[in-house]
Amino acid sequence: METPTAQAEQKTSPKIPRPVPPEFWGRNHWNLLAYVETRCVDYKGIVTCLHMRVHIDRHKDLIKNEAPIFTERAEKRLPTMLKDGVELSNHDDYDCIDDLIAAGLIKPLGRDVQFTVFSMTEQGWKAAHLLRQHRAALQEFETFTFEFEDANSSAG
């Protein structure tokens, strides 16, 4: 028998495979790609949890040295917004990072207690370039689409 929480999650989080395939991506995934690209260009690829949606109970190791205001924000457990306004609960920006890695857009270079270092792949640079053009045309992250070069992946 399902718990009320499990029933509520089914309404907002339909059966989405993990890692989340690009055709399901919405605002949070594309926004995060733009963020990682900026960090690669301006901050040597260093990404800190201070700028991320982090579920505190799932990533305590990443936020143990952070300020109380960050910890308070991390306790809110904001869902990931997918395409067409679908909410994916129990999925934060670090899960989105895993999805970006699985799609071949970024790759991890190392991890420390307080930050992770990433680089963009060639396909990631192409997607980020098109995403910036999309945003420069005053379009929203959730309406962005990207045609992956790999026939096994596609963003919708």
C-alpha atoms as a PDB file:
ATOM      1  CA  MET A   1       0.000   0.000   0.000  1.00  0.00           C
ATOM      2  CA  GLU A   2       1.390   3.387  -1.021  1.00  0.00           C
ATOM      3  CA  THR A   3       1.949   6.106   1.531  1.00  0.00           C
ATOM      4  CA  PRO A   4       0.318   9.539   1.035  1.00  0.00           C
ATOM      5  CA  THR A   5       3.777  10.935   0.208  1.00  0.00           C
ATOM      6  CA  ALA A   6       4.345   8.279  -2.457  1.00  0.00           C
ATOM      7  CA  GLN A   7       0.914   8.971  -3.931  1.00  0.00           C
ATOM      8  CA  ALA A   8       1.645  12.713  -4.052  1.00  0.00           C
ATOM      9  CA  GLU A   9       5.000  12.066  -5.739  1.00  0.00           C
ATOM     10  CA  GLN A  10       3.306  10.017  -8.462  1.00  0.00           C
ATOM     11  CA  LYS A  11       1.094  13.006  -9.328  1.00  0.00           C
ATOM     12  CA  THR A  12       4.007  15.402  -9.686  1.00  0.00           C
ATOM     13  CA  SER A  13       6.715  12.940 -10.721  1.00  0.00           C
ATOM     14  CA  PRO A  14       5.515  10.474 -13.355  1.00  0.00           C
ATOM     15  CA  LYS A  15       7.768   7.525 -14.126  1.00  0.00           C
ATOM     16  CA  ILE A  16      10.872   9.339 -15.358  1.00  0.00           C
ATOM     17  CA  PRO A  17      13.976   7.218 -16.004  1.00  0.00           C
ATOM     18  CA  ARG A  18      17.222   8.006 -14.199  1.00  0.00           C
ATOM     19  CA  PRO A  19      19.416   9.555 -15.352  1.00  0.00           C
ATOM     20  CA  VAL A  20      16.767  11.845 -16.785  1.00  0.00           C
ATOM     21  CA  PRO A  21      17.032  11.791 -20.604  1.00  0.00           C
ATOM     22  CA  PRO A  22      17.361  15.171 -22.381  1.00  0.00           C
ATOM     23  CA  GLU A  23      13.924  14.912 -23.992  1.00  0.00           C
ATOM     24  CA  PHE A  24      12.427  15.451 -20.517  1.00  0.00           C
ATOM     25  CA  TRP A  25      14.623  18.419 -19.568  1.00  0.00           C
ATOM     26  CA  GLY A  26      13.075  21.747 -18.661  1.00  0.00           C
ATOM     27  CA  ARG A  27      14.121  24.959 -16.948  1.00  0.00           C
ATOM     28  CA  ASN A  28      16.398  23.523 -14.261  1.00  0.00           C
ATOM     29  CA  HIS A  29      18.568  21.380 -16.529  1.00  0.00           C
ATOM     30  CA  TRP A  30      19.146  24.093 -19.153  1.00  0.00           C
ATOM     31  CA  ASN A  31      19.669  26.783 -16.518  1.00  0.00           C
ATOM     32  CA  LEU A  32      22.260  24.550 -14.867  1.00  0.00           C
ATOM     33  CA  LEU A  33      24.062  23.994 -18.171  1.00  0.00           C
ATOM     34  CA  ALA A  34      24.295  27.777 -18.598  1.00  0.00           C
ATOM     35  CA  TYR A  35      25.596  28.083 -15.032  1.00  0.00           C
ATOM     36  CA  VAL A  36      28.260  25.389 -15.506  1.00  0.00           C
ATOM     37  CA  GLU A  37      29.336  27.001 -18.786  1.00  0.00           C
ATOM     38  CA  THR A  38      29.758  30.352 -17.006  1.00  0.00           C
ATOM     39  CA  ARG A  39      31.749  28.680 -14.235  1.00  0.00           C
ATOM     40  CA  CYS A  40      33.985  27.006 -16.846  1.00  0.00           C
ATOM     41  CA  VAL A  41      34.634  30.319 -18.602  1.00  0.00           C
ATOM     42  CA  ASP A  42      35.018  32.606 -15.587  1.00  0.00           C
ATOM     43  CA  TYR A  43      35.931  30.362 -12.626  1.00  0.00           C
ATOM     44  CA  LYS A  44      38.108  27.538 -13.975  1.00  0.00           C
ATOM     45  CA  GLY A  45      35.151  25.148 -13.907  1.00  0.00           C
ATOM     46  CA  ILE A  46      34.636  25.415 -10.133  1.00  0.00           C
ATOM     47  CA  VAL A  47      31.012  24.886  -9.109  1.00  0.00           C
ATOM     48  CA  THR A  48      30.026  25.458  -5.470  1.00  0.00           C
ATOM     49  CA  CYS A  49      26.930  24.233  -3.705  1.00  0.00           C
ATOM     50  CA  LEU A  50      26.096  27.817  -2.689  1.00  0.00           C
ATOM     51  CA  HIS A  51      24.603  28.362  -6.140  1.00  0.00           C
ATOM     52  CA  MET A  52      22.813  25.024  -6.360  1.00  0.00           C
ATOM     53  CA  ARG A  53      19.455  23.552  -5.351  1.00  0.00           C
ATOM     54  CA  VAL A  54      20.679  20.960  -2.865  1.00  0.00           C
ATOM     55  CA  HIS A  55      18.569  18.513  -0.888  1.00  0.00           C
ATOM     56  CA  ILE A  56      20.346  18.680   2.457  1.00  0.00           C
ATOM     57  CA  ASP A  57      19.514  15.132   3.537  1.00  0.00           C
ATOM     58  CA  ARG A  58      20.997  13.686   0.341  1.00  0.00           C
ATOM     59  CA  HIS A  59      24.172  15.789   0.079  1.00  0.00           C
ATOM     60  CA  LYS A  60      25.280  16.555   3.635  1.00  0.00           C
ATOM     61  CA  ASP A  61      28.922  16.066   2.665  1.00  0.00           C
ATOM     62  CA  LEU A  62      28.696  18.939   0.160  1.00  0.00           C
ATOM     63  CA  ILE A  63      27.175  21.499   2.511  1.00  0.00           C
ATOM     64  CA  LYS A  64      28.584  20.720   5.955  1.00  0.00           C
ATOM     65  CA  ASN A  65      30.805  23.825   5.994  1.00  0.00           C
ATOM     66  CA  GLU A  66      28.240  26.264   4.604  1.00  0.00           C
ATOM     67  CA  ALA A  67      26.466  29.157   6.299  1.00  0.00           C
ATOM     68  CA  PRO A  68      23.173  28.583   8.149  1.00  0.00           C
ATOM     69  CA  ILE A  69      21.250  30.643   5.549  1.00  0.00           C
ATOM     70  CA  PHE A  70      22.333  28.164   2.875  1.00  0.00           C
ATOM     71  CA  THR A  71      21.395  25.204   5.060  1.00  0.00           C
ATOM     72  CA  GLU A  72      17.945  26.726   5.631  1.00  0.00           C
ATOM     73  CA  ARG A  73      17.450  27.142   1.855  1.00  0.00           C
ATOM     74  CA  ALA A  74      18.668  23.588   1.216  1.00  0.00           C
ATOM     75  CA  GLU A  75      16.033  22.195   3.568  1.00  0.00           C
ATOM     76  CA  LYS A  76      13.239  23.400   1.241  1.00  0.00           C
ATOM     77  CA  ARG A  77      13.805  20.462  -1.166  1.00  0.00           C
ATOM     78  CA  LEU A  78      12.695  22.233  -4.318  1.00  0.00           C
ATOM     79  CA  PRO A  79      11.762  19.841  -7.153  1.00  0.00           C
ATOM     80  CA  THR A  80      13.362  19.791 -10.580  1.00  0.00           C
ATOM     81  CA  MET A  81      11.145  21.392 -13.202  1.00  0.00           C
ATOM     82  CA  LEU A  82      10.995  19.248 -16.312  1.00  0.00           C
ATOM     83  CA  LYS A  83       9.503  19.889 -19.736  1.00  0.00           C
ATOM     84  CA  ASP A  84       5.833  20.895 -19.821  1.00  0.00           C
ATOM     85  CA  GLY A  85       5.891  21.926 -16.146  1.00  0.00           C
ATOM     86  CA  VAL A  86       6.299  18.396 -14.771  1.00  0.00           C
ATOM     87  CA  GLU A  87       7.860  18.440 -11.293  1.00  0.00           C
ATOM     88  CA  LEU A  88      10.389  15.770 -10.377  1.00  0.00           C
ATOM     89  CA  SER A  89      10.628  15.495  -6.599  1.00  0.00           C
ATOM     90  CA  ASN A  90      13.704  14.145  -4.820  1.00  0.00           C
ATOM     91  CA  HIS A  91      15.878  15.488  -7.644  1.00  0.00           C
ATOM     92  CA  ASP A  92      18.178  18.477  -7.113  1.00  0.00           C
ATOM     93  CA  ASP A  93      20.877  20.274  -9.092  1.00  0.00           C
ATOM     94  CA  TYR A  94      23.441  17.580  -8.313  1.00  0.00           C
ATOM     95  CA  ASP A  95      21.083  15.074  -9.916  1.00  0.00           C
ATOM     96  CA  CYS A  96      20.767  17.448 -12.881  1.00  0.00           C
ATOM     97  CA  ILE A  97      24.586  17.508 -13.036  1.00  0.00           C
ATOM     98  CA  ASP A  98      24.526  13.701 -13.277  1.00  0.00           C
ATOM     99  CA  ASP A  99      21.992  14.014 -16.113  1.00  0.00           C
ATOM    100  CA  LEU A 100      24.208  16.539 -17.959  1.00  0.00           C
ATOM    101  CA  ILE A 101      27.171  14.176 -17.573  1.00  0.00           C
ATOM    102  CA  ALA A 102      25.149  11.177 -18.811  1.00  0.00           C
ATOM    103  CA  ALA A 103      24.043  13.197 -21.861  1.00  0.00           C
ATOM    104  CA  GLY A 104      27.666  13.988 -22.677  1.00  0.00           C
ATOM    105  CA  LEU A 105      27.477  17.784 -22.184  1.00  0.00           C
ATOM    106  CA  ILE A 106      29.868  18.133 -19.247  1.00  0.00           C
ATOM    107  CA  LYS A 107      32.461  16.002 -17.496  1.00  0.00           C
ATOM    108  CA  PRO A 108      33.732  16.096 -13.917  1.00  0.00           C
ATOM    109  CA  LEU A 109      37.398  16.846 -13.352  1.00  0.00           C
ATOM    110  CA  GLY A 110      37.501  16.521  -9.562  1.00  0.00           C
ATOM    111  CA  ARG A 111      35.684  17.022  -6.298  1.00  0.00           C
ATOM    112  CA  ASP A 112      36.593  18.687  -3.025  1.00  0.00           C
ATOM    113  CA  VAL A 113      34.616  19.052   0.190  1.00  0.00           C
ATOM    114  CA  GLN A 114      33.191  22.418  -0.876  1.00  0.00           C
ATOM    115  CA  PHE A 115      33.249  22.392  -4.663  1.00  0.00           C
ATOM    116  CA  THR A 116      33.345  20.316  -7.812  1.00  0.00           C
ATOM    117  CA  VAL A 117      35.288  21.109 -10.977  1.00  0.00           C
ATOM    118  CA  PHE A 118      33.777  20.460 -14.408  1.00  0.00           C
ATOM    119  CA  SER A 119      34.680  20.967 -18.028  1.00  0.00           C
ATOM    120  CA  MET A 120      32.408  21.236 -21.042  1.00  0.00           C
ATOM    121  CA  THR A 121      32.502  18.646 -23.816  1.00  0.00           C
ATOM    122  CA  GLU A 122      32.426  19.734 -27.468  1.00  0.00           C
ATOM    123  CA  GLN A 123      28.719  18.948 -27.564  1.00  0.00           C
ATOM    124  CA  GLY A 124      28.291  20.878 -24.297  1.00  0.00           C
ATOM    125  CA  TRP A 125      29.938  23.971 -25.786  1.00  0.00           C
ATOM    126  CA  LYS A 126      27.629  23.747 -28.809  1.00  0.00           C
ATOM    127  CA  ALA A 127      24.540  23.402 -26.617  1.00  0.00           C
ATOM    128  CA  ALA A 128      25.650  26.277 -24.360  1.00  0.00           C
ATOM    129  CA  HIS A 129      26.275  28.515 -27.389  1.00  0.00           C
ATOM    130  CA  LEU A 130      22.799  27.839 -28.771  1.00  0.00           C
ATOM    131  CA  LEU A 131      21.296  28.242 -25.308  1.00  0.00           C
ATOM    132  CA  ARG A 132      22.884  31.697 -24.961  1.00  0.00           C
ATOM    133  CA  GLN A 133      21.475  32.699 -28.345  1.00  0.00           C
ATOM    134  CA  HIS A 134      18.074  31.420 -27.242  1.00  0.00           C
ATOM    135  CA  ARG A 135      18.220  33.468 -24.031  1.00  0.00           C
ATOM    136  CA  ALA A 136      19.547  36.549 -25.875  1.00  0.00           C
ATOM    137  CA  ALA A 137      16.386  36.373 -27.983  1.00  0.00           C
ATOM    138  CA  LEU A 138      14.441  36.725 -24.697  1.00  0.00           C
ATOM    139  CA  GLN A 139      13.326  33.101 -24.748  1.00  0.00           C
ATOM    140  CA  GLU A 140      12.904  31.062 -21.554  1.00  0.00           C
ATOM    141  CA  PHE A 141      15.116  28.132 -20.539  1.00  0.00           C
ATOM    142  CA  GLU A 142      12.160  25.744 -20.596  1.00  0.00           C
ATOM    143  CA  THR A 143      11.503  26.350 -24.306  1.00  0.00           C
ATOM    144  CA  PHE A 144      15.078  25.557 -25.392  1.00  0.00           C
ATOM    145  CA  THR A 145      15.690  22.508 -27.585  1.00  0.00           C
ATOM    146  CA  PHE A 146      18.965  20.967 -28.688  1.00  0.00           C
ATOM    147  CA  GLU A 147      19.626  18.359 -31.359  1.00  0.00           C
ATOM    148  CA  PHE A 148      22.232  15.988 -29.975  1.00  0.00           C
ATOM    149  CA  GLU A 149      24.815  14.638 -32.404  1.00  0.00           C
ATOM    150  CA  ASP A 150      24.508  11.179 -30.874  1.00  0.00           C
ATOM    151  CA  ALA A 151      21.477   9.452 -32.393  1.00  0.00           C
ATOM    152  CA  ASN A 152      20.729   7.852 -28.989  1.00  0.00           C
ATOM    153  CA  SER A 153      20.048  11.204 -27.296  1.00  0.00           C
ATOM    154  CA  SER A 154      17.808  14.099 -28.154  1.00  0.00           C
ATOM    155  CA  ALA A 155      16.548  17.108 -26.264  1.00  0.00           C
ATOM    156  CA  GLY A 156      13.007  18.164 -26.793  1.00  0.00           C
END
